[in-house]
Protein backbone atom coordinates (compact mmCIF):
# COMPACT_ATOMS: atom_id res chain seq x y z
CA MET A 1 40.78 77.46 -265.48
CA THR A 2 38.80 79.55 -263.18
CA ILE A 3 35.43 78.07 -264.15
CA LEU A 4 36.77 74.56 -263.77
CA THR A 5 38.00 75.41 -260.35
CA LEU A 6 34.66 76.85 -259.36
CA VAL A 7 32.87 73.75 -260.65
CA LYS A 8 35.18 71.51 -258.69
CA ALA A 9 34.67 73.60 -255.59
CA ALA A 10 30.90 73.44 -256.02
CA ILE A 11 31.01 69.66 -256.45
CA VAL A 12 33.20 69.30 -253.35
CA LEU A 13 30.82 71.57 -251.42
CA VAL A 14 27.77 69.57 -252.44
CA ALA A 15 29.52 66.31 -251.64
CA GLY A 16 30.61 67.66 -248.24
CA THR A 17 27.15 68.87 -247.44
CA ALA A 18 25.62 65.51 -248.36
CA ALA A 19 28.24 63.64 -246.38
CA GLY A 20 27.63 65.91 -243.31
CA TYR A 21 23.92 65.44 -243.54
CA PHE A 22 24.14 61.64 -243.64
CA LEU A 23 26.76 61.66 -240.89
CA ARG A 24 24.56 63.85 -238.64
CA LYS A 25 21.54 61.69 -239.32
CA LEU A 26 23.54 58.63 -238.40
CA ILE A 27 24.69 60.22 -235.11
CA ALA A 28 21.12 61.36 -234.24
CA GLN A 29 19.81 57.82 -234.83
CA GLN A 30 22.45 56.38 -232.55
CA ARG A 31 21.58 58.91 -229.80
CA LYS A 32 17.91 58.12 -230.12
CA ASP A 33 18.55 54.43 -229.73
CA THR A 34 20.71 55.14 -226.65
CA LEU A 35 18.01 57.35 -224.93
CA GLU A 36 15.27 54.80 -225.52
CA LEU A 37 17.48 52.12 -224.07
CA LYS A 38 18.10 54.26 -220.96
CA ALA A 39 14.39 55.03 -220.57
CA LYS A 40 13.52 51.36 -220.74
CA GLN A 41 16.24 50.58 -218.18
CA ILE A 42 14.94 53.31 -215.83
CA LEU A 43 11.37 52.03 -216.14
CA LEU A 44 12.54 48.50 -215.44
CA ASP A 45 14.46 49.64 -212.33
CA ALA A 46 11.43 51.59 -211.11
CA LYS A 47 9.19 48.55 -211.43
CA GLU A 48 11.69 46.44 -209.49
CA ASN A 49 11.98 49.06 -206.70
CA ALA A 50 8.20 49.42 -206.49
CA GLN A 51 7.78 45.67 -206.20
CA LYS A 52 10.48 45.52 -203.54
CA ALA A 53 8.85 48.38 -201.53
CA LEU A 54 5.47 46.69 -201.83
CA ASP A 55 6.88 43.44 -200.56
CA GLU A 56 8.54 45.21 -197.59
CA ALA A 57 5.35 47.11 -196.72
CA LYS A 58 3.34 43.90 -196.88
CA ALA A 59 5.88 42.22 -194.58
CA ARG A 60 5.70 45.10 -192.05
CA ALA A 61 1.91 45.11 -192.16
CA ASP A 62 1.87 41.37 -191.48
CA LYS A 63 4.27 41.87 -188.55
CA ILE A 64 2.17 44.76 -187.07
CA LEU A 65 -0.98 42.71 -187.42
CA ALA A 66 0.66 39.80 -185.67
CA GLU A 67 1.84 42.02 -182.84
CA ALA A 68 -1.62 43.57 -182.48
CA LYS A 69 -3.22 40.15 -182.28
CA GLU A 70 -0.64 39.13 -179.63
CA GLU A 71 -1.30 42.31 -177.61
CA GLU A 72 -5.03 41.72 -177.81
CA LYS A 73 -4.53 38.20 -176.49
CA ASN A 74 -2.44 39.57 -173.60
CA ARG A 75 -5.13 42.11 -172.75
CA GLU A 76 -7.78 39.45 -172.80
CA ARG A 77 -5.69 37.33 -170.43
CA GLU A 78 -5.14 40.33 -168.09
CA LEU A 79 -8.85 41.14 -168.17
CA ARG A 80 -9.72 37.57 -167.26
CA ARG A 81 -7.28 37.68 -164.33
CA THR A 82 -8.79 41.02 -163.15
CA GLU A 83 -12.29 39.57 -163.33
CA GLU A 84 -11.14 36.58 -161.32
CA ARG A 85 -9.60 38.85 -158.62
CA LEU A 86 -12.76 40.98 -158.40
CA ALA A 87 -14.89 37.89 -158.11
CA HIS A 88 -12.62 36.67 -155.30
CA LYS A 89 -12.85 40.02 -153.49
CA ASP A 90 -16.64 39.98 -153.79
CA GLU A 91 -16.65 36.59 -152.15
CA ILE A 92 -14.43 37.86 -149.32
CA LEU A 93 -16.63 40.97 -148.82
CA GLU A 94 -19.77 38.89 -148.73
CA LYS A 95 -18.15 36.60 -146.18
CA LYS A 96 -17.04 39.55 -144.01
CA SER A 97 -20.46 41.15 -144.28
CA ALA A 98 -22.04 37.95 -143.05
CA GLU A 99 -19.55 37.84 -140.13
CA LEU A 100 -20.29 41.50 -139.24
CA ASP A 101 -24.00 40.84 -139.29
CA LYS A 102 -23.50 37.90 -136.99
CA GLU A 103 -21.26 39.95 -134.64
CA SER A 104 -23.79 42.81 -134.61
CA GLU A 105 -26.47 40.35 -133.56
CA ASN A 106 -24.20 39.10 -130.77
CA LEU A 107 -23.49 42.66 -129.59
CA GLN A 108 -27.17 43.47 -129.58
CA GLU A 109 -27.83 40.43 -127.43
CA LYS A 110 -25.05 41.42 -125.03
CA PHE A 111 -26.39 45.01 -124.88
CA GLU A 112 -29.82 43.73 -123.97
CA LYS A 113 -28.29 41.57 -121.24
CA VAL A 114 -26.25 44.53 -119.85
CA ARG A 115 -29.28 46.79 -119.87
CA ALA A 116 -31.31 44.22 -118.05
CA MET A 117 -28.52 43.80 -115.47
CA LYS A 118 -28.28 47.60 -115.04
CA GLU A 119 -32.00 47.88 -114.48
CA GLN A 120 -31.80 45.10 -111.94
CA LEU A 121 -28.87 46.78 -110.13
CA GLU A 122 -30.69 50.12 -110.05
CA LYS A 123 -33.74 48.40 -108.64
CA ILE A 124 -31.62 46.73 -105.98
CA GLU A 125 -29.91 50.04 -105.14
CA VAL A 126 -33.26 51.80 -104.75
CA GLU A 127 -34.47 49.00 -102.52
CA LYS A 128 -31.30 49.27 -100.40
CA LYS A 129 -31.66 53.05 -100.09
CA GLU A 130 -35.30 52.66 -99.09
CA GLU A 131 -34.32 50.03 -96.55
CA LEU A 132 -31.51 52.25 -95.17
CA ALA A 133 -33.83 55.23 -95.02
CA ARG A 134 -36.45 53.13 -93.22
CA VAL A 135 -33.90 51.82 -90.71
CA ALA A 136 -32.06 55.15 -90.18
CA LYS A 137 -35.18 57.26 -90.54
CA LEU A 138 -33.18 59.65 -92.84
CA THR A 139 -33.55 60.63 -96.49
CA GLU A 140 -30.59 60.37 -98.88
CA GLU A 141 -30.01 64.11 -98.83
CA GLU A 142 -30.17 64.21 -95.03
CA ALA A 143 -27.77 61.30 -94.76
CA ARG A 144 -25.26 62.95 -97.13
CA THR A 145 -25.49 66.25 -95.22
CA LYS A 146 -24.99 64.51 -91.88
CA LEU A 147 -22.01 62.57 -93.24
CA ILE A 148 -20.39 65.76 -94.54
CA GLU A 149 -20.99 67.54 -91.24
CA ASP A 150 -19.45 64.65 -89.27
CA VAL A 151 -16.38 64.65 -91.54
CA GLU A 152 -16.04 68.45 -91.30
CA LYS A 153 -16.26 68.32 -87.50
CA LYS A 154 -13.77 65.50 -87.26
CA TYR A 155 -11.19 67.06 -89.63
CA GLU A 156 -12.06 70.75 -89.21
CA LYS A 157 -8.73 71.71 -87.67
CA ASP A 158 -6.73 69.77 -90.25
CA ILE A 159 -8.68 71.27 -93.17
CA LEU A 160 -8.41 74.80 -91.74
CA ALA A 161 -4.69 74.43 -91.12
CA LYS A 162 -4.16 73.12 -94.65
CA VAL A 163 -6.14 75.98 -96.20
CA GLN A 164 -4.29 78.58 -94.13
CA LYS A 165 -0.98 77.01 -95.05
CA ILE A 166 -1.84 77.13 -98.74
CA GLU A 167 -3.04 80.75 -98.50
CA GLN A 168 -0.01 81.81 -96.49
CA PHE A 169 2.36 80.09 -98.90
CA GLY A 170 0.65 81.74 -101.89
CA LEU A 171 0.72 85.20 -100.28
CA GLU A 172 4.35 84.81 -99.25
CA THR A 173 5.28 83.70 -102.76
CA LEU A 174 3.43 86.60 -104.38
CA GLU A 175 4.80 89.14 -101.91
CA LYS A 176 8.33 87.84 -102.39
CA LYS A 177 7.96 88.05 -106.17
CA ALA A 178 6.56 91.60 -105.93
CA ARG A 179 9.37 92.67 -103.55
CA ASP A 180 11.98 91.18 -105.86
CA ILE A 181 10.56 93.04 -108.88
CA LEU A 182 10.28 96.37 -107.01
CA ALA A 183 13.72 96.03 -105.41
CA SER A 184 15.27 95.24 -108.78
CA ILE A 185 13.57 98.22 -110.42
CA ILE A 186 14.50 100.67 -107.65
CA GLN A 187 18.08 99.41 -107.73
CA ARG A 188 18.24 99.80 -111.53
CA VAL A 189 16.96 103.38 -111.35
CA ALA A 190 19.03 104.41 -108.32
CA SER A 191 18.79 108.14 -109.07
CA SER A 192 19.97 110.59 -106.46
CA THR A 193 17.41 113.02 -105.06
CA ALA A 194 18.24 116.49 -103.82
CA SER A 195 15.36 118.48 -102.34
CA GLU A 196 14.94 121.96 -103.78
CA VAL A 197 15.48 124.94 -101.52
CA THR A 198 14.01 128.40 -101.65
CA VAL A 199 17.26 130.37 -101.64
CA THR A 200 19.87 130.77 -104.38
CA SER A 201 23.26 132.36 -103.81
CA VAL A 202 25.15 134.48 -106.33
CA ALA A 203 28.85 135.17 -105.96
CA ILE A 204 29.85 138.87 -105.91
CA PRO A 205 33.49 139.66 -106.82
CA SER A 206 33.73 142.81 -104.63
CA ASP A 207 31.88 144.78 -101.98
CA ASP A 208 31.85 147.82 -104.30
CA LEU A 209 29.61 145.88 -106.66
CA LYS A 210 27.32 145.14 -103.74
CA GLY A 211 26.92 148.88 -103.29
CA LYS A 212 26.05 149.28 -106.97
CA ILE A 213 23.42 146.56 -106.74
CA ILE A 214 21.85 148.25 -103.70
CA GLY A 215 21.98 151.66 -105.38
CA LYS A 216 21.35 155.10 -103.97
CA GLU A 217 18.84 154.79 -101.11
CA GLY A 218 18.14 151.20 -102.25
CA ARG A 219 16.79 152.28 -105.66
CA ASN A 220 18.49 149.53 -107.69
CA ILE A 221 17.66 146.67 -105.34
CA ARG A 222 13.99 147.73 -105.22
CA ALA A 223 13.90 147.91 -109.01
CA PHE A 224 15.42 144.43 -109.25
CA GLU A 225 13.00 142.93 -106.72
CA ARG A 226 10.07 144.49 -108.53
CA ALA A 227 11.15 143.36 -112.00
CA ALA A 228 12.08 139.79 -111.00
CA GLY A 229 9.55 139.20 -108.22
CA VAL A 230 12.14 137.98 -105.74
CA GLU A 231 13.83 139.24 -102.60
CA LEU A 232 17.54 140.07 -102.55
CA ILE A 233 19.25 139.46 -99.22
CA VAL A 234 22.43 141.55 -98.89
CA ASP A 235 24.05 141.03 -95.51
CA ASP A 236 27.55 141.09 -94.06
CA THR A 237 28.47 137.77 -95.66
CA PRO A 238 31.39 138.61 -97.97
CA GLY A 239 31.18 137.86 -101.68
CA VAL A 240 27.56 136.56 -101.68
CA ILE A 241 24.07 137.89 -102.40
CA LEU A 242 21.10 135.63 -101.68
CA ILE A 243 18.03 135.44 -103.93
CA SER A 244 14.93 134.34 -102.03
CA SER A 245 11.64 133.22 -103.61
CA PHE A 246 9.34 130.26 -103.29
CA ASP A 247 8.97 130.19 -107.10
CA PRO A 248 12.02 128.41 -108.59
CA VAL A 249 11.42 129.92 -112.05
CA ARG A 250 11.63 133.42 -110.63
CA ARG A 251 14.79 132.51 -108.71
CA GLN A 252 16.43 131.20 -111.88
CA ILE A 253 15.45 134.29 -113.87
CA ALA A 254 16.75 136.51 -111.08
CA ARG A 255 20.00 134.53 -110.81
CA VAL A 256 20.69 134.76 -114.56
CA ALA A 257 19.79 138.45 -114.63
CA LEU A 258 21.97 139.24 -111.61
CA GLU A 259 24.94 137.34 -113.02
CA ASN A 260 24.59 139.23 -116.32
CA LEU A 261 24.41 142.54 -114.46
CA ILE A 262 27.60 141.68 -112.56
CA LEU A 263 29.38 140.87 -115.83
CA ASP A 264 28.07 144.04 -117.49
CA GLY A 265 28.87 146.33 -114.56
CA ARG A 266 26.15 148.87 -115.43
CA VAL A 267 23.57 148.61 -112.64
CA GLN A 268 20.64 150.97 -113.04
CA PRO A 269 16.83 150.51 -113.10
CA ALA A 270 16.47 150.56 -116.90
CA ARG A 271 19.39 148.15 -117.32
CA ILE A 272 17.97 145.89 -114.60
CA GLU A 273 14.63 145.57 -116.38
CA GLU A 274 16.42 144.83 -119.65
CA MET A 275 18.53 142.10 -118.06
CA VAL A 276 15.53 140.50 -116.33
CA GLU A 277 13.65 140.32 -119.63
CA LYS A 278 16.73 138.84 -121.34
CA ALA A 279 16.99 136.27 -118.54
CA ARG A 280 13.35 135.28 -119.08
CA VAL A 281 14.16 134.51 -122.73
CA GLU A 282 17.17 132.41 -121.66
CA ILE A 283 15.08 130.46 -119.15
CA GLU A 284 12.49 129.75 -121.86
CA LYS A 285 15.29 128.25 -123.95
CA ILE A 286 16.43 126.15 -121.00
CA ILE A 287 12.85 124.96 -120.49
CA LYS A 288 12.62 123.84 -124.12
CA GLU A 289 15.94 121.99 -123.94
CA ALA A 290 14.92 120.31 -120.67
CA GLY A 291 11.67 119.02 -122.20
CA GLU A 292 13.42 117.66 -125.28
CA LYS A 293 16.18 116.06 -123.22
CA SER A 294 13.73 114.34 -120.87
CA ALA A 295 11.72 112.88 -123.77
CA TYR A 296 14.90 111.65 -125.45
CA GLU A 297 16.14 110.11 -122.20
CA VAL A 298 13.07 107.91 -121.77
CA GLY A 299 12.73 107.11 -125.49
CA ALA A 300 9.52 109.09 -126.14
CA LEU A 301 10.59 110.57 -129.47
CA ASP A 302 7.15 111.31 -130.98
CA VAL A 303 5.84 113.76 -128.35
CA ASP A 304 4.44 117.06 -129.65
CA PRO A 305 7.03 119.90 -129.29
CA ARG A 306 4.41 122.08 -127.57
CA LEU A 307 3.94 119.39 -124.94
CA LEU A 308 7.71 119.26 -124.50
CA MET A 309 7.69 123.00 -123.70
CA LEU A 310 5.14 122.39 -120.94
CA LEU A 311 7.11 119.39 -119.75
CA GLY A 312 10.30 121.47 -119.57
CA ARG A 313 8.60 123.95 -117.23
CA LEU A 314 8.44 121.15 -114.66
CA LYS A 315 12.24 121.49 -114.36
CA PHE A 316 11.56 124.47 -112.09
CA ARG A 317 8.56 122.95 -110.31
CA THR A 318 8.81 120.99 -107.07
CA SER A 319 6.40 118.70 -105.23
CA TYR A 320 7.15 118.26 -101.52
CA GLY A 321 10.70 119.35 -102.28
CA GLN A 322 11.10 116.81 -105.14
CA ASN A 323 11.83 118.13 -108.64
CA VAL A 324 8.76 117.26 -110.72
CA LEU A 325 10.59 116.80 -114.03
CA GLN A 326 13.20 114.50 -112.48
CA HIS A 327 10.37 112.67 -110.70
CA SER A 328 8.56 112.21 -114.05
CA ILE A 329 11.71 110.90 -115.79
CA GLU A 330 12.36 108.50 -112.91
CA MET A 331 8.73 107.35 -113.06
CA ALA A 332 9.02 106.70 -116.82
CA HIS A 333 12.03 104.41 -116.27
CA ILE A 334 10.27 102.57 -113.42
CA ALA A 335 7.04 102.23 -115.41
CA GLY A 336 8.96 100.88 -118.41
CA MET A 337 10.63 98.20 -116.31
CA LEU A 338 7.35 97.26 -114.58
CA ALA A 339 5.57 97.04 -117.94
CA SER A 340 8.32 94.81 -119.28
CA GLU A 341 8.00 92.47 -116.27
CA LEU A 342 4.18 92.37 -116.54
CA LYS A 343 4.06 92.01 -120.37
CA ALA A 344 2.27 95.37 -120.77
CA ASP A 345 2.82 98.06 -123.41
CA VAL A 346 6.18 99.59 -122.44
CA ALA A 347 5.86 102.67 -124.70
CA ILE A 348 2.38 103.58 -123.37
CA ALA A 349 3.48 103.10 -119.75
CA LYS A 350 6.58 105.28 -120.25
CA LYS A 351 4.70 108.12 -121.94
CA GLY A 352 1.88 107.98 -119.39
CA ALA A 353 4.42 108.27 -116.56
CA LEU A 354 6.41 111.04 -118.24
CA LEU A 355 3.30 113.17 -118.87
CA HIS A 356 1.39 112.30 -115.68
CA ASP A 357 2.12 115.68 -113.99
CA ILE A 358 1.97 117.85 -117.14
CA GLY A 359 -0.94 119.75 -115.56
CA LYS A 360 1.36 121.12 -112.86
CA ALA A 361 3.09 123.25 -115.48
CA VAL A 362 0.01 125.51 -115.71
CA ASP A 363 -2.08 124.64 -112.64
CA HIS A 364 -1.46 128.14 -111.24
CA GLU A 365 -3.09 129.61 -114.36
CA ILE A 366 -6.04 127.22 -114.89
CA GLN A 367 -8.74 126.10 -112.47
CA GLY A 368 -8.91 122.42 -111.54
CA THR A 369 -6.65 119.67 -110.24
CA HIS A 370 -3.41 119.01 -112.07
CA VAL A 371 -4.79 115.62 -113.19
CA GLU A 372 -7.85 117.16 -114.80
CA ILE A 373 -5.77 119.96 -116.34
CA GLY A 374 -3.31 117.39 -117.69
CA ARG A 375 -6.13 115.33 -119.26
CA ARG A 376 -7.49 118.41 -121.04
CA ILE A 377 -4.03 119.36 -122.29
CA LEU A 378 -3.35 115.87 -123.69
CA GLN A 379 -6.79 115.71 -125.31
CA LYS A 380 -6.20 119.13 -126.90
CA PHE A 381 -3.00 117.85 -128.52
CA ASN A 382 -4.70 114.62 -129.70
CA VAL A 383 -2.52 112.34 -127.59
CA ASP A 384 -3.27 108.61 -127.80
CA GLN A 385 -6.25 107.76 -125.57
CA ARG A 386 -4.29 104.87 -124.03
CA ILE A 387 -1.69 107.36 -122.72
CA ILE A 388 -4.44 109.53 -121.19
CA GLN A 389 -5.97 106.45 -119.53
CA ALA A 390 -2.54 105.52 -118.18
CA MET A 391 -1.83 108.95 -116.60
CA GLN A 392 -5.28 109.93 -115.31
CA SER A 393 -5.47 107.35 -112.49
CA HIS A 394 -2.21 108.08 -110.63
CA HIS A 395 -4.14 109.86 -107.85
CA GLU A 396 -7.14 107.51 -108.15
CA GLU A 397 -9.37 110.32 -109.41
CA TYR A 398 -10.35 108.06 -112.30
CA PRO A 399 -10.82 104.27 -112.28
CA TYR A 400 -8.06 101.99 -113.54
CA GLU A 401 -9.05 101.23 -117.13
CA THR A 402 -5.87 99.54 -118.32
CA LEU A 403 -2.91 97.65 -116.90
CA GLU A 404 -0.69 100.59 -117.84
CA SER A 405 -2.74 102.92 -115.57
CA ILE A 406 -2.00 100.66 -112.60
CA ILE A 407 1.68 100.58 -113.55
CA VAL A 408 1.88 104.41 -113.70
CA GLN A 409 0.22 104.74 -110.28
CA THR A 410 2.63 102.16 -108.85
CA ALA A 411 5.63 103.92 -110.39
CA ASP A 412 4.43 107.22 -108.89
CA ALA A 413 4.21 105.64 -105.45
CA ILE A 414 7.68 104.08 -105.78
CA SER A 415 9.33 107.32 -106.92
CA ALA A 416 7.61 109.49 -104.32
CA SER A 417 7.96 107.16 -101.32
CA ARG A 418 11.69 106.48 -101.55
CA PRO A 419 13.53 107.73 -98.44
CA GLY A 420 14.55 111.39 -98.79
CA ALA A 421 12.58 111.93 -102.00
CA ARG A 422 10.12 114.43 -100.58
CA ARG A 423 9.70 116.93 -97.76
CA ASP A 424 6.20 117.58 -96.55
CA SER A 425 7.05 120.75 -94.62
CA VAL A 426 8.69 122.43 -97.63
CA GLU A 427 5.64 121.71 -99.78
CA ASN A 428 3.26 123.14 -97.20
CA TYR A 429 5.42 126.25 -96.92
CA LEU A 430 5.44 126.78 -100.68
CA LYS A 431 1.69 126.13 -100.83
CA ARG A 432 1.13 128.94 -98.32
CA LEU A 433 3.18 131.35 -100.42
CA GLU A 434 1.25 130.38 -103.55
CA ASP A 435 -2.03 130.92 -101.72
CA LEU A 436 -0.84 134.38 -100.65
CA GLU A 437 -0.16 135.39 -104.23
CA GLY A 438 -3.41 133.78 -105.37
CA ILE A 439 -5.47 135.90 -102.99
CA ALA A 440 -3.71 139.09 -104.08
CA ASN A 441 -4.04 138.30 -107.80
CA SER A 442 -7.76 137.65 -107.45
CA PHE A 443 -8.45 141.39 -106.93
CA ALA A 444 -9.28 143.52 -109.98
CA GLY A 445 -6.57 145.98 -111.05
CA VAL A 446 -3.66 143.92 -109.70
CA GLU A 447 -0.80 143.77 -112.21
CA LYS A 448 1.35 141.24 -110.34
CA SER A 449 2.15 140.19 -106.79
CA TYR A 450 5.11 138.57 -105.04
CA ALA A 451 5.27 136.83 -101.67
CA ILE A 452 8.65 137.64 -100.05
CA GLN A 453 10.35 137.60 -96.65
CA ALA A 454 9.57 133.85 -96.27
CA GLY A 455 5.89 134.63 -96.53
CA ARG A 456 5.90 137.46 -93.99
CA GLU A 457 5.24 140.11 -96.69
CA ILE A 458 3.17 140.25 -99.87
CA ARG A 459 3.99 142.98 -102.39
CA VAL A 460 1.11 143.86 -104.70
CA PHE A 461 1.71 146.01 -107.80
CA ILE A 462 -1.47 147.62 -109.14
CA THR A 463 -2.29 149.39 -112.41
CA PRO A 464 -2.36 153.16 -111.64
CA GLU A 465 -4.82 153.89 -114.44
CA LYS A 466 -7.41 151.58 -112.87
CA ILE A 467 -6.87 152.07 -109.11
CA THR A 468 -6.66 155.38 -107.24
CA ASP A 469 -4.61 155.98 -104.10
CA LEU A 470 -7.69 155.71 -101.90
CA GLU A 471 -8.74 152.48 -103.58
CA ALA A 472 -5.18 151.16 -103.12
CA LYS A 473 -5.42 151.66 -99.34
CA LYS A 474 -8.81 149.95 -99.31
CA MET A 475 -7.41 147.06 -101.38
CA ALA A 476 -4.58 146.56 -98.88
CA ARG A 477 -7.16 146.23 -96.09
CA ASP A 478 -9.33 143.86 -98.13
CA ILE A 479 -6.36 141.64 -99.00
CA ALA A 480 -5.34 141.50 -95.33
CA ASP A 481 -8.91 140.53 -94.33
CA ARG A 482 -8.97 137.76 -96.94
CA ILE A 483 -5.62 136.41 -95.72
CA GLU A 484 -6.82 136.41 -92.11
CA SER A 485 -10.03 134.56 -92.95
CA GLU A 486 -8.67 132.01 -95.45
CA LEU A 487 -5.08 131.18 -94.42
CA LYS A 488 -3.40 129.75 -91.34
CA TYR A 489 0.06 131.18 -90.61
CA PRO A 490 2.34 132.00 -87.70
CA GLY A 491 3.00 135.66 -86.76
CA GLU A 492 1.81 138.42 -89.07
CA ILE A 493 1.92 139.16 -92.80
CA LYS A 494 2.62 142.61 -94.17
CA VAL A 495 0.46 143.59 -97.15
CA ASN A 496 2.34 146.18 -99.26
CA VAL A 497 0.24 147.61 -102.12
CA ILE A 498 2.39 149.67 -104.53
CA ARG A 499 0.91 152.18 -107.00
CA GLU A 500 3.52 153.72 -109.29
CA LEU A 501 2.79 155.94 -112.27
CA ARG A 502 5.39 156.02 -115.04
CA ALA A 503 5.23 158.66 -117.75
CA ILE A 504 7.27 157.67 -120.83
CA GLU A 505 7.85 159.84 -123.92
CA TYR A 506 10.34 159.60 -126.79
CA ALA A 507 12.35 162.52 -128.25
CA ARG A 508 12.84 162.14 -132.01
């Protein structure tokens, strides 16, 4: 049973295998036939598409070729038209050239005719002149001269009157314009002027304090006058002590020192000298502030600070009673306005005017005029040469090199010549006092000297180590002789030579 079953299974297996093989073979054959059919169909489609693309390309090529041929024909037509236009233009140019040639020939003929006529006219004119000269017995030059003389004689008065009228009108116009400019500038400045005096008053709260200032046997007042170089006038006027000195700087130092002494209450020689020295320091500060303020006021902001210190010293300097610093500031404003009217450099004109009297700050210490001293000072501080040229001509010591130098000189004249600006007598008086001190200071061994009593006394302080008592008496005589021979003055001048020896030691 089992073997039979196995045989049957084997037969079924063989039959199944054979059937599967034939079935698979049949399916593979069918697939092969299908793939070949598809390949043939694809090839056929490709041939049709290629033929179609070829036909389209051929059609486009034919169209492009036709268009190219048409464009070529159009270009040929355009070229023919261009050639025709050029040929026509050539004909026109040739025709115009022929016309120009013909016209040039006509002009040449006319020119020849004109030249011939001109030559003929010149010949006729020469013949006429020769005939006139023969008849009048005058050459052409003589005839012209005589004609001019006759006309001048006939119309001399009319010509002269016309010329004078023109000149007068021009001068009047220029003078009116100048007056208008100057009047406008003076009106715009319009600064008040107060002449400086030589006396300063200091208020004293009580008569007891007056006694302290005088001191025992006048010791304190003498010490003050010696330290400050001024004269104190203590009279019966209540509540006032007068400080007299021709030097305004000394007066200011003395005023400040005296006011400080009054506030302090301790009046003694050592304290007096201390206060005078302190006052000198305060005045130096005031001088610095005055210089800076004046430069700021006129807009000169780039001036060297050392120059401003010298400029500030002019606050206490006067010229014919006019404050020099105020005069310089006023001049700077006037010069600036003049420069603006005349189209000059306003900054240069202002600085030249502001610094024009800088030499007066040290002219008592250095030889030379204040103009020359000022030039050397500005050159030392490397000031712009244009500013030096502007300031150096205000007293006509140097020629006018620039328009600004003329403006500065004009501004100086305007500021100084205004009514009430200056006093000649005051300046001469101060000059005499300066000369007195100058003579005394010129002697060897003199420490310092002060002119007091309105110039009626000169006090000379000498160095005791260098001058003996006998030499001091001889010096007083020599100074008096020099004053008599060199100065002119009313009355007499007392020469007071003071020799004082101070011995100072310190206990430690």
